[in-house]
Amino acid sequence: MDHLIIWLNGTFGAGKTTTAEELVQLVPRARLFDPEQVGYMLAHVPDLPELGDFQHWPPWRHLVVETASQLLGYVGGVLVMPQSVLVERYWDEISTGLDRAGIRVRHYVLHADPGTLAARIGADSPADQAWRLKHLAAYDEAYTTWLGRAAHTVDTTRREPAEVARGIAADAGALPDAPPRGPARPGRTGQPGQPGQPARPEPPEVP
């Protein structure tokens, strides 16, 4: 299977990293590409605007698309990309760029109930807990306004990462001898709640 991205969206504590690791072991020719590493690279560039999140830098979005495209063009196979993207305009920019590059994207949002998220985040260090708890409200807003419609929701509550990964791999047609699948139709399984009308959170202006 060539030129496929399995994108794992969702808030902190939903299980993106552990599920991604399981997928890389399960799916033939799968490789982990963490878009955060692009942000860390850019953070070393002097004098970039202080915007509080590397996703607000336009070069991050462009470089994620270009790097994924170059990697798949070079080695083929499947990229598993775990990254929360909670601003609709940013996801539109990334997904449109990947589509123009001819790359199939299966977009999943990993979701867990509030109690499960709190328990998982509570196991982190105090500094990480503060960062992750701060972003729960942003995730809830994104999920109810656009993300719940833009991705296939996978409930990870009381499910082991290996089980979640196998379900995603099967849905994506990424298991051996599975037929290729098109773009994921959002909200097919495990979707809690009903999405509202779309809203576009405004990013800060770049000075």
C-alpha atoms as a PDB file:
ATOM      1  CA  MET A   1       0.000   0.000   0.000  1.00  0.00           C
ATOM      2  CA  ASP A   2       1.526   3.297  -1.090  1.00  0.00           C
ATOM      3  CA  HIS A   3       0.979   6.904  -0.115  1.00  0.00           C
ATOM      4  CA  LEU A   4      -1.412   6.604   2.798  1.00  0.00           C
ATOM      5  CA  ILE A   5      -1.520   8.725   5.948  1.00  0.00           C
ATOM      6  CA  ILE A   6      -3.330   7.588   9.063  1.00  0.00           C
ATOM      7  CA  TRP A   7      -3.796  10.822  11.032  1.00  0.00           C
ATOM      8  CA  LEU A   8      -4.670  10.449  14.708  1.00  0.00           C
ATOM      9  CA  ASN A   9      -6.329  13.563  16.109  1.00  0.00           C
ATOM     10  CA  GLY A  10      -7.790  14.135  19.562  1.00  0.00           C
ATOM     11  CA  THR A  11      -6.978  15.735  22.864  1.00  0.00           C
ATOM     12  CA  PHE A  12      -4.147  14.876  25.230  1.00  0.00           C
ATOM     13  CA  GLY A  13      -4.792  11.620  27.048  1.00  0.00           C
ATOM     14  CA  ALA A  14      -6.963  10.127  24.312  1.00  0.00           C
ATOM     15  CA  GLY A  15      -4.271   7.599  23.381  1.00  0.00           C
ATOM     16  CA  LYS A  16      -2.765   8.987  20.164  1.00  0.00           C
ATOM     17  CA  THR A  17       0.869   8.133  20.928  1.00  0.00           C
ATOM     18  CA  THR A  18       0.287   4.608  22.207  1.00  0.00           C
ATOM     19  CA  THR A  19      -2.151   3.843  19.389  1.00  0.00           C
ATOM     20  CA  ALA A  20       0.337   5.168  16.842  1.00  0.00           C
ATOM     21  CA  GLU A  21       3.044   2.886  18.226  1.00  0.00           C
ATOM     22  CA  GLU A  22       0.704  -0.107  17.933  1.00  0.00           C
ATOM     23  CA  LEU A  23      -0.221   0.836  14.359  1.00  0.00           C
ATOM     24  CA  VAL A  24       3.419   0.997  13.289  1.00  0.00           C
ATOM     25  CA  GLN A  25       3.899  -2.554  14.565  1.00  0.00           C
ATOM     26  CA  LEU A  26       0.676  -3.794  12.976  1.00  0.00           C
ATOM     27  CA  VAL A  27       0.571  -2.181   9.532  1.00  0.00           C
ATOM     28  CA  PRO A  28       3.082  -3.343   6.901  1.00  0.00           C
ATOM     29  CA  ARG A  29       5.537  -0.641   5.772  1.00  0.00           C
ATOM     30  CA  ALA A  30       4.168   1.821   8.332  1.00  0.00           C
ATOM     31  CA  ARG A  31       6.391   4.513   9.800  1.00  0.00           C
ATOM     32  CA  LEU A  32       5.764   6.994  12.583  1.00  0.00           C
ATOM     33  CA  PHE A  33       6.021  10.651  11.600  1.00  0.00           C
ATOM     34  CA  ASP A  34       5.319  12.987  14.498  1.00  0.00           C
ATOM     35  CA  PRO A  35       4.456  16.506  13.234  1.00  0.00           C
ATOM     36  CA  GLU A  36       5.518  17.910  16.600  1.00  0.00           C
ATOM     37  CA  GLN A  37       9.122  17.328  15.562  1.00  0.00           C
ATOM     38  CA  VAL A  38       8.647  19.903  12.806  1.00  0.00           C
ATOM     39  CA  GLY A  39       7.512  22.369  15.454  1.00  0.00           C
ATOM     40  CA  TYR A  40      10.542  21.609  17.627  1.00  0.00           C
ATOM     41  CA  MET A  41      12.801  22.242  14.649  1.00  0.00           C
ATOM     42  CA  LEU A  42      11.178  25.607  13.971  1.00  0.00           C
ATOM     43  CA  ALA A  43      11.470  26.554  17.639  1.00  0.00           C
ATOM     44  CA  HIS A  44      15.246  26.721  17.162  1.00  0.00           C
ATOM     45  CA  VAL A  45      14.886  29.456  14.541  1.00  0.00           C
ATOM     46  CA  PRO A  46      15.608  32.845  16.145  1.00  0.00           C
ATOM     47  CA  ASP A  47      13.074  35.681  16.216  1.00  0.00           C
ATOM     48  CA  LEU A  48       9.937  33.813  15.225  1.00  0.00           C
ATOM     49  CA  PRO A  49       6.814  35.471  16.692  1.00  0.00           C
ATOM     50  CA  GLU A  50       5.882  34.307  20.190  1.00  0.00           C
ATOM     51  CA  LEU A  51       2.414  32.889  19.504  1.00  0.00           C
ATOM     52  CA  GLY A  52       2.195  30.258  22.228  1.00  0.00           C
ATOM     53  CA  ASP A  53       1.878  27.239  19.907  1.00  0.00           C
ATOM     54  CA  PHE A  54       3.986  26.241  16.919  1.00  0.00           C
ATOM     55  CA  GLN A  55       0.834  25.372  14.963  1.00  0.00           C
ATOM     56  CA  HIS A  56       0.166  29.098  14.643  1.00  0.00           C
ATOM     57  CA  TRP A  57       3.309  29.466  12.533  1.00  0.00           C
ATOM     58  CA  PRO A  58       2.333  29.077   8.842  1.00  0.00           C
ATOM     59  CA  PRO A  59       5.675  27.368   8.056  1.00  0.00           C
ATOM     60  CA  TRP A  60       4.722  24.524  10.405  1.00  0.00           C
ATOM     61  CA  ARG A  61       1.606  23.659   8.413  1.00  0.00           C
ATOM     62  CA  HIS A  62       3.390  23.918   5.072  1.00  0.00           C
ATOM     63  CA  LEU A  63       6.379  21.897   6.255  1.00  0.00           C
ATOM     64  CA  VAL A  64       4.184  19.121   7.678  1.00  0.00           C
ATOM     65  CA  VAL A  65       2.559  18.718   4.270  1.00  0.00           C
ATOM     66  CA  GLU A  66       5.819  18.941   2.349  1.00  0.00           C
ATOM     67  CA  THR A  67       7.719  16.605   4.677  1.00  0.00           C
ATOM     68  CA  ALA A  68       4.990  13.961   4.585  1.00  0.00           C
ATOM     69  CA  SER A  69       4.827  14.225   0.801  1.00  0.00           C
ATOM     70  CA  GLN A  70       8.580  13.914   0.420  1.00  0.00           C
ATOM     71  CA  LEU A  71       8.788  10.970   2.819  1.00  0.00           C
ATOM     72  CA  LEU A  72       6.046   9.024   1.058  1.00  0.00           C
ATOM     73  CA  GLY A  73       7.533   9.839  -2.341  1.00  0.00           C
ATOM     74  CA  TYR A  74      10.888   8.532  -1.144  1.00  0.00           C
ATOM     75  CA  VAL A  75       9.959   5.375   0.804  1.00  0.00           C
ATOM     76  CA  GLY A  76       6.243   4.835   0.087  1.00  0.00           C
ATOM     77  CA  GLY A  77       4.142   2.860   2.520  1.00  0.00           C
ATOM     78  CA  VAL A  78       2.067   4.361   5.323  1.00  0.00           C
ATOM     79  CA  LEU A  79       2.753   7.303   7.602  1.00  0.00           C
ATOM     80  CA  VAL A  80       1.114   7.242  11.017  1.00  0.00           C
ATOM     81  CA  MET A  81       0.837  10.837  12.224  1.00  0.00           C
ATOM     82  CA  PRO A  82      -0.390  11.495  15.790  1.00  0.00           C
ATOM     83  CA  GLN A  83      -1.143  15.194  16.228  1.00  0.00           C
ATOM     84  CA  SER A  84      -3.946  17.258  17.732  1.00  0.00           C
ATOM     85  CA  VAL A  85      -5.161  19.908  15.298  1.00  0.00           C
ATOM     86  CA  LEU A  86      -8.022  21.844  16.871  1.00  0.00           C
ATOM     87  CA  VAL A  87      -8.216  24.881  14.585  1.00  0.00           C
ATOM     88  CA  GLU A  88     -10.435  24.091  11.616  1.00  0.00           C
ATOM     89  CA  ARG A  89      -8.616  26.398   9.226  1.00  0.00           C
ATOM     90  CA  TYR A  90      -5.327  24.696  10.045  1.00  0.00           C
ATOM     91  CA  TRP A  91      -6.759  21.246   9.358  1.00  0.00           C
ATOM     92  CA  ASP A  92      -8.288  22.476   6.103  1.00  0.00           C
ATOM     93  CA  GLU A  93      -4.899  23.828   5.052  1.00  0.00           C
ATOM     94  CA  ILE A  94      -3.071  20.589   5.883  1.00  0.00           C
ATOM     95  CA  SER A  95      -5.657  18.222   4.411  1.00  0.00           C
ATOM     96  CA  THR A  96      -5.985  20.277   1.220  1.00  0.00           C
ATOM     97  CA  GLY A  97      -2.222  20.275   0.770  1.00  0.00           C
ATOM     98  CA  LEU A  98      -2.011  16.512   1.206  1.00  0.00           C
ATOM     99  CA  ASP A  99      -4.889  15.999  -1.214  1.00  0.00           C
ATOM    100  CA  ARG A 100      -3.159  18.143  -3.825  1.00  0.00           C
ATOM    101  CA  ALA A 101      -0.061  15.985  -3.363  1.00  0.00           C
ATOM    102  CA  GLY A 102      -2.134  12.914  -4.226  1.00  0.00           C
ATOM    103  CA  ILE A 103      -1.926  11.414  -0.737  1.00  0.00           C
ATOM    104  CA  ARG A 104      -4.854   9.503   0.738  1.00  0.00           C
ATOM    105  CA  VAL A 105      -5.590  10.539   4.313  1.00  0.00           C
ATOM    106  CA  ARG A 106      -7.615   8.572   6.836  1.00  0.00           C
ATOM    107  CA  HIS A 107      -8.466  11.014   9.631  1.00  0.00           C
ATOM    108  CA  TYR A 108      -9.441   9.659  13.046  1.00  0.00           C
ATOM    109  CA  VAL A 109     -10.233  11.490  16.263  1.00  0.00           C
ATOM    110  CA  LEU A 110      -9.558   9.433  19.374  1.00  0.00           C
ATOM    111  CA  HIS A 111     -12.141  10.239  22.022  1.00  0.00           C
ATOM    112  CA  ALA A 112     -12.528   9.227  25.668  1.00  0.00           C
ATOM    113  CA  ASP A 113     -14.988  10.186  28.375  1.00  0.00           C
ATOM    114  CA  PRO A 114     -13.996  12.990  30.798  1.00  0.00           C
ATOM    115  CA  GLY A 115     -13.259  10.605  33.667  1.00  0.00           C
ATOM    116  CA  THR A 116     -10.893   8.528  31.561  1.00  0.00           C
ATOM    117  CA  LEU A 117      -9.103  11.626  30.256  1.00  0.00           C
ATOM    118  CA  ALA A 118      -8.707  13.024  33.763  1.00  0.00           C
ATOM    119  CA  ALA A 119      -7.251   9.751  35.024  1.00  0.00           C
ATOM    120  CA  ARG A 120      -4.771   9.511  32.152  1.00  0.00           C
ATOM    121  CA  ILE A 121      -3.689  13.142  32.462  1.00  0.00           C
ATOM    122  CA  GLY A 122      -3.424  12.752  36.244  1.00  0.00           C
ATOM    123  CA  ALA A 123      -0.629  10.235  35.723  1.00  0.00           C
ATOM    124  CA  ASP A 124       1.528  12.882  34.019  1.00  0.00           C
ATOM    125  CA  SER A 125       4.020  15.224  35.612  1.00  0.00           C
ATOM    126  CA  PRO A 126       2.531  18.413  37.147  1.00  0.00           C
ATOM    127  CA  ALA A 127       3.847  20.569  34.304  1.00  0.00           C
ATOM    128  CA  ASP A 128       2.367  18.282  31.657  1.00  0.00           C
ATOM    129  CA  GLN A 129      -0.904  18.053  33.569  1.00  0.00           C
ATOM    130  CA  ALA A 130      -1.367  21.826  33.521  1.00  0.00           C
ATOM    131  CA  TRP A 131      -0.708  22.042  29.770  1.00  0.00           C
ATOM    132  CA  ARG A 132      -3.024  19.180  28.907  1.00  0.00           C
ATOM    133  CA  LEU A 133      -5.877  20.202  31.185  1.00  0.00           C
ATOM    134  CA  LYS A 134      -5.724  23.691  29.717  1.00  0.00           C
ATOM    135  CA  HIS A 135      -6.450  22.284  26.249  1.00  0.00           C
ATOM    136  CA  LEU A 136      -9.457  20.135  27.156  1.00  0.00           C
ATOM    137  CA  ALA A 137     -11.904  23.021  26.652  1.00  0.00           C
ATOM    138  CA  ALA A 138     -10.406  23.784  23.228  1.00  0.00           C
ATOM    139  CA  TYR A 139     -10.844  20.150  22.242  1.00  0.00           C
ATOM    140  CA  ASP A 140     -14.473  20.092  23.395  1.00  0.00           C
ATOM    141  CA  GLU A 141     -15.229  23.199  21.343  1.00  0.00           C
ATOM    142  CA  ALA A 142     -13.472  21.847  18.263  1.00  0.00           C
ATOM    143  CA  TYR A 143     -15.192  18.483  18.544  1.00  0.00           C
ATOM    144  CA  THR A 144     -18.693  19.890  18.794  1.00  0.00           C
ATOM    145  CA  THR A 145     -18.247  22.549  16.106  1.00  0.00           C
ATOM    146  CA  TRP A 146     -16.285  20.784  13.356  1.00  0.00           C
ATOM    147  CA  LEU A 147     -13.912  17.977  14.349  1.00  0.00           C
ATOM    148  CA  GLY A 148     -16.665  15.487  15.084  1.00  0.00           C
ATOM    149  CA  ARG A 149     -17.795  15.843  11.460  1.00  0.00           C
ATOM    150  CA  ALA A 150     -14.355  16.024   9.878  1.00  0.00           C
ATOM    151  CA  ALA A 151     -12.972  12.759  11.255  1.00  0.00           C
ATOM    152  CA  HIS A 152     -14.032   9.238  12.071  1.00  0.00           C
ATOM    153  CA  THR A 153     -14.489   9.143  15.859  1.00  0.00           C
ATOM    154  CA  VAL A 154     -12.959   6.208  17.714  1.00  0.00           C
ATOM    155  CA  ASP A 155     -13.894   5.819  21.378  1.00  0.00           C
ATOM    156  CA  THR A 156     -10.840   4.730  23.386  1.00  0.00           C
ATOM    157  CA  THR A 157     -12.617   4.587  26.760  1.00  0.00           C
ATOM    158  CA  ARG A 158     -11.821   1.271  28.471  1.00  0.00           C
ATOM    159  CA  ARG A 159     -10.146  -0.042  25.325  1.00  0.00           C
ATOM    160  CA  GLU A 160      -6.557  -1.174  25.012  1.00  0.00           C
ATOM    161  CA  PRO A 161      -4.387   0.620  22.428  1.00  0.00           C
ATOM    162  CA  ALA A 162      -3.833  -2.640  20.517  1.00  0.00           C
ATOM    163  CA  GLU A 163      -7.582  -3.079  20.083  1.00  0.00           C
ATOM    164  CA  VAL A 164      -8.009   0.531  18.985  1.00  0.00           C
ATOM    165  CA  ALA A 165      -5.126   0.227  16.522  1.00  0.00           C
ATOM    166  CA  ARG A 166      -6.484  -2.949  14.970  1.00  0.00           C
ATOM    167  CA  GLY A 167      -9.874  -1.352  14.411  1.00  0.00           C
ATOM    168  CA  ILE A 168      -8.303   1.701  12.783  1.00  0.00           C
ATOM    169  CA  ALA A 169      -6.001  -0.378  10.589  1.00  0.00           C
ATOM    170  CA  ALA A 170      -8.913  -2.508   9.405  1.00  0.00           C
ATOM    171  CA  ASP A 171     -11.072   0.541   8.682  1.00  0.00           C
ATOM    172  CA  ALA A 172      -8.234   2.166   6.740  1.00  0.00           C
ATOM    173  CA  GLY A 173      -7.711  -0.953   4.652  1.00  0.00           C
ATOM    174  CA  ALA A 174      -4.121  -1.047   5.883  1.00  0.00           C
ATOM    175  CA  LEU A 175      -3.941  -4.640   7.061  1.00  0.00           C
ATOM    176  CA  PRO A 176      -2.375  -7.311   4.815  1.00  0.00           C
ATOM    177  CA  ASP A 177      -4.643  -8.310   1.926  1.00  0.00           C
ATOM    178  CA  ALA A 178      -7.203  -5.622   2.847  1.00  0.00           C
ATOM    179  CA  PRO A 179      -8.667  -3.634  -0.069  1.00  0.00           C
ATOM    180  CA  PRO A 180      -7.713   0.065  -0.288  1.00  0.00           C
ATOM    181  CA  ARG A 181     -10.219   2.468   1.223  1.00  0.00           C
ATOM    182  CA  GLY A 182     -11.108   6.028   0.286  1.00  0.00           C
ATOM    183  CA  PRO A 183     -11.256   8.998   2.655  1.00  0.00           C
ATOM    184  CA  ALA A 184     -12.877   8.156   5.976  1.00  0.00           C
ATOM    185  CA  ARG A 185     -16.511   9.101   6.356  1.00  0.00           C
ATOM    186  CA  PRO A 186     -16.632  10.935   9.691  1.00  0.00           C
ATOM    187  CA  GLY A 187     -18.593   9.978  12.729  1.00  0.00           C
ATOM    188  CA  ARG A 188     -19.435   6.401  11.818  1.00  0.00           C
ATOM    189  CA  THR A 189     -18.688   4.672  15.113  1.00  0.00           C
ATOM    190  CA  GLY A 190     -18.391   5.645  18.729  1.00  0.00           C
ATOM    191  CA  GLN A 191     -19.250   9.298  18.226  1.00  0.00           C
ATOM    192  CA  PRO A 192     -20.569  10.851  21.444  1.00  0.00           C
ATOM    193  CA  GLY A 193     -22.905  13.805  21.141  1.00  0.00           C
ATOM    194  CA  GLN A 194     -24.027  15.677  18.089  1.00  0.00           C
ATOM    195  CA  PRO A 195     -21.907  18.256  16.284  1.00  0.00           C
ATOM    196  CA  GLY A 196     -23.157  21.823  16.205  1.00  0.00           C
ATOM    197  CA  GLN A 197     -22.803  24.463  13.549  1.00  0.00           C
ATOM    198  CA  PRO A 198     -19.264  25.029  12.301  1.00  0.00           C
ATOM    199  CA  ALA A 199     -17.211  27.746  13.891  1.00  0.00           C
ATOM    200  CA  ARG A 200     -13.703  28.768  13.025  1.00  0.00           C
ATOM    201  CA  PRO A 201     -11.513  29.663  16.024  1.00  0.00           C
ATOM    202  CA  GLU A 202      -9.359  32.604  15.076  1.00  0.00           C
ATOM    203  CA  PRO A 203      -5.588  32.181  15.501  1.00  0.00           C
ATOM    204  CA  PRO A 204      -3.532  35.092  16.796  1.00  0.00           C
ATOM    205  CA  GLU A 205      -2.242  37.555  14.272  1.00  0.00           C
ATOM    206  CA  VAL A 206       1.383  37.214  13.251  1.00  0.00           C
ATOM    207  CA  PRO A 207       3.198  40.476  14.017  1.00  0.00           C
END
